Every structure is written in C-alpha cells, then in structure tokens.
Amino acid sequence: MGMLFSRIFSSLFGSSEIRILILGLDNAGKTTLLYKLQLNQVIETVPTIGFNVETVQYNNLKLQVWDLGGQGTIRPYWRCYYPNTNAIVYVVDSVDRDRIDISKQEMLSMLQEEDLAGCPLLVFANKQDMPNAMKEAEVSDRLGLHTIRNRQWRICAASAKKGEGISEGFDWLVTMLKGTS
C-alpha cells in the first residue's frame, strides 16, 4: 500500500520537494509561523539575518520552506531566492499600520519578478490576537490584493503564536499546488 501511495505522490509532484518562500517585513512573524508549522510550538526568535530553511511535512507533502529576513537592508537580496519557487507566503503584521504601505510596495515589487510568475500567493494577516489589529479585509484592501490578476491568491487572518489560521492557509496552498502539478 505504501508503494502505491509513493507512486501516486511521485506522479502528482515528482520526487522533489515543493519550494515555498516566506516573505514579509521584519517583525511580521515569519519565523514564528515557520516553527509553529514545523514543530507546532512557539519558539522565541530573534530577527532573522539571512534566512532559515526547514523541511516541513504537511498533509503528506514535503515542503522546503525558506524564511527570509525582512529588514530593509536584506529585502533587496530576496530575489536571489526566487528561482525554482513553487509558492509564496507573505506575512503581514496586522498591527503595524505605519508600515503597511511599505509592505504593499515590497509585495507588489516581488510579484513583478519573472522567476515568481504564476506562483500562488498566500497572505497571512498575522497578529490577529493583538489589540487594534487590522482585520483581514482591511489588510487585503491596504495591500491592493484585489488588483492581482496574474496569479491565484488568498488572504487568511492568522495568529502565528496561537497557531490560528495557519492550517486554513496551507490547506488552500496545497490545493493550489496540486492543481498546478
């Protein structure tokens, strides 16, 4: 039975891992999201300088998840990681109203890159557990998601620390990836 499943899986996805980038401004919760997804634990983190890469099993899929640092000096180097990417997870700090326009600018710039053409986009409106967090609809509006016409996208309200919204987002993403294989 296991061999049969392996053949079906290989025919759907090939033998390689699915490469996912987690992007967003610094302090958005990218690393917290990664380790909540991988370990189902909240790990105390420090700002990511460079990247974290982890292999995550999700719904019987092997995901190679790259969490890239989001500081202003690091964002120009994101493009070095774009080749061979299958999907993008963009994390937004829903409390950081002062930088939502910068987040929008970085996201839209990234989406123009040829190496990411057609990659599904999952946006997490993170930190929904915090007071004064922008709701999912407001984050979507402020990011201009309704203007994106060249790829599948979805926004999910989330709290990486509490683990809320993560499975809903990744369930959608896996469905999108199965559809493109």
C-alpha atoms as a PDB file:
ATOM      1  CA  MET A   1       0.000   0.000   0.000  1.00  0.00           C
ATOM      2  CA  GLY A   2       2.844   2.386   0.859  1.00  0.00           C
ATOM      3  CA  MET A   3       4.492   1.759  -2.508  1.00  0.00           C
ATOM      4  CA  LEU A   4       1.223   2.534  -4.307  1.00  0.00           C
ATOM      5  CA  PHE A   5       0.904   5.844  -2.457  1.00  0.00           C
ATOM      6  CA  SER A   6       4.537   6.687  -3.250  1.00  0.00           C
ATOM      7  CA  ARG A   7       3.918   6.143  -6.956  1.00  0.00           C
ATOM      8  CA  ILE A   8       0.766   8.269  -6.900  1.00  0.00           C
ATOM      9  CA  PHE A   9       2.562  11.012  -4.970  1.00  0.00           C
ATOM     10  CA  SER A  10       5.531  10.935  -7.359  1.00  0.00           C
ATOM     11  CA  SER A  11       3.243  11.161 -10.369  1.00  0.00           C
ATOM     12  CA  LEU A  12       1.486  14.184  -8.880  1.00  0.00           C
ATOM     13  CA  PHE A  13       4.504  16.067  -7.572  1.00  0.00           C
ATOM     14  CA  GLY A  14       7.638  14.356  -8.836  1.00  0.00           C
ATOM     15  CA  SER A  15      10.266  13.312  -6.374  1.00  0.00           C
ATOM     16  CA  SER A  16      11.449  16.764  -5.355  1.00  0.00           C
ATOM     17  CA  GLU A  17      10.330  18.956  -2.517  1.00  0.00           C
ATOM     18  CA  ILE A  18       7.914  21.800  -3.001  1.00  0.00           C
ATOM     19  CA  ARG A  19       9.806  25.072  -2.512  1.00  0.00           C
ATOM     20  CA  ILE A  20       7.986  27.816  -0.619  1.00  0.00           C
ATOM     21  CA  LEU A  21       9.283  31.272   0.310  1.00  0.00           C
ATOM     22  CA  ILE A  22       8.012  33.058   3.417  1.00  0.00           C
ATOM     23  CA  LEU A  23       8.447  36.791   2.917  1.00  0.00           C
ATOM     24  CA  GLY A  24       7.351  39.978   4.651  1.00  0.00           C
ATOM     25  CA  LEU A  25       8.765  42.900   6.581  1.00  0.00           C
ATOM     26  CA  ASP A  26      10.824  42.377   9.715  1.00  0.00           C
ATOM     27  CA  ASN A  27       8.772  41.592  12.823  1.00  0.00           C
ATOM     28  CA  ALA A  28       5.793  40.321  10.815  1.00  0.00           C
ATOM     29  CA  GLY A  29       6.005  36.853  12.396  1.00  0.00           C
ATOM     30  CA  LYS A  30       7.577  34.842   9.566  1.00  0.00           C
ATOM     31  CA  THR A  31       9.925  32.777  11.733  1.00  0.00           C
ATOM     32  CA  THR A  32       7.260  32.217  14.379  1.00  0.00           C
ATOM     33  CA  LEU A  33       4.963  30.950  11.604  1.00  0.00           C
ATOM     34  CA  LEU A  34       7.659  28.630  10.249  1.00  0.00           C
ATOM     35  CA  TYR A  35       8.368  26.992  13.588  1.00  0.00           C
ATOM     36  CA  LYS A  36       4.707  26.777  14.541  1.00  0.00           C
ATOM     37  CA  LEU A  37       4.142  24.981  11.214  1.00  0.00           C
ATOM     38  CA  GLN A  38       7.124  22.679  11.649  1.00  0.00           C
ATOM     39  CA  LEU A  39       7.167  21.969  15.395  1.00  0.00           C
ATOM     40  CA  ASN A  40       3.684  23.091  16.459  1.00  0.00           C
ATOM     41  CA  GLN A  41       5.435  25.194  19.094  1.00  0.00           C
ATOM     42  CA  VAL A  42       6.129  28.851  19.629  1.00  0.00           C
ATOM     43  CA  ILE A  43       9.870  29.347  19.673  1.00  0.00           C
ATOM     44  CA  GLU A  44      11.358  32.586  20.971  1.00  0.00           C
ATOM     45  CA  THR A  45      13.064  34.105  17.958  1.00  0.00           C
ATOM     46  CA  VAL A  46      15.430  36.928  17.160  1.00  0.00           C
ATOM     47  CA  PRO A  47      15.317  38.923  13.929  1.00  0.00           C
ATOM     48  CA  THR A  48      16.369  36.722  11.039  1.00  0.00           C
ATOM     49  CA  ILE A  49      19.565  37.897   9.400  1.00  0.00           C
ATOM     50  CA  GLY A  50      19.748  35.942   6.167  1.00  0.00           C
ATOM     51  CA  PHE A  51      17.362  33.006   6.155  1.00  0.00           C
ATOM     52  CA  ASN A  52      16.028  29.933   7.898  1.00  0.00           C
ATOM     53  CA  VAL A  53      15.245  26.877   5.810  1.00  0.00           C
ATOM     54  CA  GLU A  54      13.327  23.894   7.105  1.00  0.00           C
ATOM     55  CA  THR A  55      11.774  20.818   5.587  1.00  0.00           C
ATOM     56  CA  VAL A  56       8.178  20.536   6.727  1.00  0.00           C
ATOM     57  CA  GLN A  57       5.822  17.599   6.270  1.00  0.00           C
ATOM     58  CA  TYR A  58       2.334  18.954   5.627  1.00  0.00           C
ATOM     59  CA  ASN A  59      -0.586  16.762   4.575  1.00  0.00           C
ATOM     60  CA  ASN A  60       1.850  14.100   3.343  1.00  0.00           C
ATOM     61  CA  LEU A  61       3.773  16.653   1.287  1.00  0.00           C
ATOM     62  CA  LYS A  62       7.418  17.515   1.731  1.00  0.00           C
ATOM     63  CA  LEU A  63       7.780  21.288   1.760  1.00  0.00           C
ATOM     64  CA  GLN A  64      11.128  23.056   1.667  1.00  0.00           C
ATOM     65  CA  VAL A  65      10.244  26.317   3.416  1.00  0.00           C
ATOM     66  CA  TRP A  66      12.573  29.311   3.179  1.00  0.00           C
ATOM     67  CA  ASP A  67      12.012  32.086   5.736  1.00  0.00           C
ATOM     68  CA  LEU A  68      13.884  35.159   4.510  1.00  0.00           C
ATOM     69  CA  GLY A  69      14.849  38.074   6.732  1.00  0.00           C
ATOM     70  CA  GLY A  70      12.698  41.158   6.229  1.00  0.00           C
ATOM     71  CA  GLN A  71      14.885  44.072   7.294  1.00  0.00           C
ATOM     72  CA  GLY A  72      15.205  46.877   4.745  1.00  0.00           C
ATOM     73  CA  THR A  73      18.858  46.077   4.080  1.00  0.00           C
ATOM     74  CA  ILE A  74      18.066  42.403   3.395  1.00  0.00           C
ATOM     75  CA  ARG A  75      14.945  42.732   1.204  1.00  0.00           C
ATOM     76  CA  PRO A  76      16.907  43.553  -1.999  1.00  0.00           C
ATOM     77  CA  TYR A  77      18.509  40.099  -1.710  1.00  0.00           C
ATOM     78  CA  TRP A  78      15.164  38.251  -1.699  1.00  0.00           C
ATOM     79  CA  ARG A  79      15.425  37.956  -5.483  1.00  0.00           C
ATOM     80  CA  CYS A  80      18.415  35.617  -5.083  1.00  0.00           C
ATOM     81  CA  TYR A  81      15.988  33.019  -3.680  1.00  0.00           C
ATOM     82  CA  TYR A  82      13.210  33.365  -6.304  1.00  0.00           C
ATOM     83  CA  PRO A  83      14.343  30.762  -8.876  1.00  0.00           C
ATOM     84  CA  ASN A  84      12.583  27.381  -8.637  1.00  0.00           C
ATOM     85  CA  THR A  85       9.995  28.660  -6.148  1.00  0.00           C
ATOM     86  CA  ASN A  86       6.589  26.964  -6.255  1.00  0.00           C
ATOM     87  CA  ALA A  87       4.634  29.257  -3.904  1.00  0.00           C
ATOM     88  CA  ILE A  88       4.896  32.453  -1.878  1.00  0.00           C
ATOM     89  CA  VAL A  89       3.689  33.011   1.673  1.00  0.00           C
ATOM     90  CA  TYR A  90       3.616  36.716   2.511  1.00  0.00           C
ATOM     91  CA  VAL A  91       3.232  37.610   6.187  1.00  0.00           C
ATOM     92  CA  VAL A  92       1.869  40.990   7.275  1.00  0.00           C
ATOM     93  CA  ASP A  93       1.946  42.411  10.790  1.00  0.00           C
ATOM     94  CA  SER A  94      -1.720  43.446  11.095  1.00  0.00           C
ATOM     95  CA  VAL A  95      -0.889  45.803  13.965  1.00  0.00           C
ATOM     96  CA  ASP A  96       1.815  47.737  12.087  1.00  0.00           C
ATOM     97  CA  ARG A  97      -0.338  50.370  10.389  1.00  0.00           C
ATOM     98  CA  ASP A  98       2.680  52.666   9.954  1.00  0.00           C
ATOM     99  CA  ARG A  99       4.426  50.235   7.593  1.00  0.00           C
ATOM    100  CA  ILE A 100       1.522  48.637   5.700  1.00  0.00           C
ATOM    101  CA  ASP A 101       2.287  50.810   2.658  1.00  0.00           C
ATOM    102  CA  ILE A 102       5.928  49.651   2.679  1.00  0.00           C
ATOM    103  CA  SER A 103       4.697  46.073   2.969  1.00  0.00           C
ATOM    104  CA  LYS A 104       2.423  46.625  -0.037  1.00  0.00           C
ATOM    105  CA  GLN A 105       5.256  48.147  -2.072  1.00  0.00           C
ATOM    106  CA  GLU A 106       7.605  45.242  -1.277  1.00  0.00           C
ATOM    107  CA  MET A 107       4.931  42.636  -2.051  1.00  0.00           C
ATOM    108  CA  LEU A 108       3.918  44.180  -5.376  1.00  0.00           C
ATOM    109  CA  SER A 109       7.555  44.607  -6.397  1.00  0.00           C
ATOM    110  CA  MET A 110       8.267  40.966  -5.581  1.00  0.00           C
ATOM    111  CA  LEU A 111       5.233  39.821  -7.558  1.00  0.00           C
ATOM    112  CA  GLN A 112       6.634  41.508 -10.687  1.00  0.00           C
ATOM    113  CA  GLU A 113       9.650  39.199 -10.732  1.00  0.00           C
ATOM    114  CA  GLU A 114       9.733  36.784 -13.668  1.00  0.00           C
ATOM    115  CA  ASP A 115      11.046  33.923 -11.512  1.00  0.00           C
ATOM    116  CA  LEU A 116       7.831  34.087  -9.448  1.00  0.00           C
ATOM    117  CA  ALA A 117       5.394  34.313 -12.363  1.00  0.00           C
ATOM    118  CA  GLY A 118       2.314  32.225 -11.705  1.00  0.00           C
ATOM    119  CA  CYS A 119       3.305  31.191  -8.168  1.00  0.00           C
ATOM    120  CA  PRO A 120       0.272  31.122  -5.897  1.00  0.00           C
ATOM    121  CA  LEU A 121       0.337  33.774  -3.165  1.00  0.00           C
ATOM    122  CA  LEU A 122      -0.859  33.118   0.366  1.00  0.00           C
ATOM    123  CA  VAL A 123      -1.036  36.228   2.556  1.00  0.00           C
ATOM    124  CA  PHE A 124      -1.296  35.874   6.308  1.00  0.00           C
ATOM    125  CA  ALA A 125      -2.791  38.880   8.105  1.00  0.00           C
ATOM    126  CA  ASN A 126      -0.834  37.925  11.220  1.00  0.00           C
ATOM    127  CA  LYS A 127      -1.157  39.001  14.860  1.00  0.00           C
ATOM    128  CA  GLN A 128      -4.954  38.931  14.869  1.00  0.00           C
ATOM    129  CA  ASP A 129      -4.744  38.148  18.597  1.00  0.00           C
ATOM    130  CA  MET A 130      -3.357  41.645  19.281  1.00  0.00           C
ATOM    131  CA  PRO A 131      -5.458  44.696  20.169  1.00  0.00           C
ATOM    132  CA  ASN A 132      -6.090  47.081  17.275  1.00  0.00           C
ATOM    133  CA  ALA A 133      -5.081  44.564  14.612  1.00  0.00           C
ATOM    134  CA  MET A 134      -6.410  45.354  11.155  1.00  0.00           C
ATOM    135  CA  LYS A 135      -8.969  42.782  10.099  1.00  0.00           C
ATOM    136  CA  GLU A 136      -8.352  40.543   7.104  1.00  0.00           C
ATOM    137  CA  ALA A 137     -10.484  42.715   4.795  1.00  0.00           C
ATOM    138  CA  GLU A 138      -8.613  45.884   5.736  1.00  0.00           C
ATOM    139  CA  VAL A 139      -5.212  44.245   5.209  1.00  0.00           C
ATOM    140  CA  SER A 140      -6.410  42.949   1.835  1.00  0.00           C
ATOM    141  CA  ASP A 141      -7.604  46.413   0.834  1.00  0.00           C
ATOM    142  CA  ARG A 142      -4.451  48.170   2.052  1.00  0.00           C
ATOM    143  CA  LEU A 143      -2.247  45.692   0.144  1.00  0.00           C
ATOM    144  CA  GLY A 144      -4.317  46.063  -3.019  1.00  0.00           C
ATOM    145  CA  LEU A 145      -4.837  42.321  -3.336  1.00  0.00           C
ATOM    146  CA  HIS A 146      -7.976  42.862  -5.437  1.00  0.00           C
ATOM    147  CA  THR A 147      -5.734  44.235  -8.216  1.00  0.00           C
ATOM    148  CA  ILE A 148      -3.757  40.986  -8.564  1.00  0.00           C
ATOM    149  CA  ARG A 149      -4.972  39.229 -11.688  1.00  0.00           C
ATOM    150  CA  ASN A 150      -1.984  37.154 -12.818  1.00  0.00           C
ATOM    151  CA  ARG A 151      -1.953  34.502 -10.096  1.00  0.00           C
ATOM    152  CA  GLN A 152      -4.113  32.702  -7.559  1.00  0.00           C
ATOM    153  CA  TRP A 153      -4.052  34.375  -4.157  1.00  0.00           C
ATOM    154  CA  ARG A 154      -5.732  34.143  -0.799  1.00  0.00           C
ATOM    155  CA  ILE A 155      -5.564  36.069   2.442  1.00  0.00           C
ATOM    156  CA  CYS A 156      -6.090  34.435   5.838  1.00  0.00           C
ATOM    157  CA  ALA A 157      -6.428  36.033   9.233  1.00  0.00           C
ATOM    158  CA  ALA A 158      -3.854  34.409  11.492  1.00  0.00           C
ATOM    159  CA  SER A 159      -2.082  34.361  14.807  1.00  0.00           C
ATOM    160  CA  ALA A 160       1.204  32.507  14.373  1.00  0.00           C
ATOM    161  CA  LYS A 161       1.746  32.434  18.139  1.00  0.00           C
ATOM    162  CA  LYS A 162      -1.618  30.772  18.743  1.00  0.00           C
ATOM    163  CA  GLY A 163      -1.499  28.683  15.567  1.00  0.00           C
ATOM    164  CA  GLU A 164      -4.762  30.167  14.307  1.00  0.00           C
ATOM    165  CA  GLY A 165      -5.386  30.423  10.571  1.00  0.00           C
ATOM    166  CA  ILE A 166      -2.216  28.589   9.559  1.00  0.00           C
ATOM    167  CA  SER A 167      -3.802  25.280   8.570  1.00  0.00           C
ATOM    168  CA  GLU A 168      -6.581  27.043   6.639  1.00  0.00           C
ATOM    169  CA  GLY A 169      -3.985  28.929   4.629  1.00  0.00           C
ATOM    170  CA  PHE A 170      -1.707  25.974   3.977  1.00  0.00           C
ATOM    171  CA  ASP A 171      -4.656  23.712   3.087  1.00  0.00           C
ATOM    172  CA  TRP A 172      -5.555  26.224   0.353  1.00  0.00           C
ATOM    173  CA  LEU A 173      -1.935  26.500  -0.772  1.00  0.00           C
ATOM    174  CA  VAL A 174      -1.512  22.736  -1.065  1.00  0.00           C
ATOM    175  CA  THR A 175      -4.729  22.565  -3.114  1.00  0.00           C
ATOM    176  CA  MET A 176      -3.346  25.256  -5.453  1.00  0.00           C
ATOM    177  CA  LEU A 177      -0.047  23.412  -5.800  1.00  0.00           C
ATOM    178  CA  LYS A 178      -1.783  20.146  -6.623  1.00  0.00           C
ATOM    179  CA  GLY A 179      -3.706  21.971  -9.344  1.00  0.00           C
ATOM    180  CA  THR A 180      -0.512  23.266 -10.968  1.00  0.00           C
ATOM    181  CA  SER A 181       1.407  19.969 -10.921  1.00  0.00           C
END
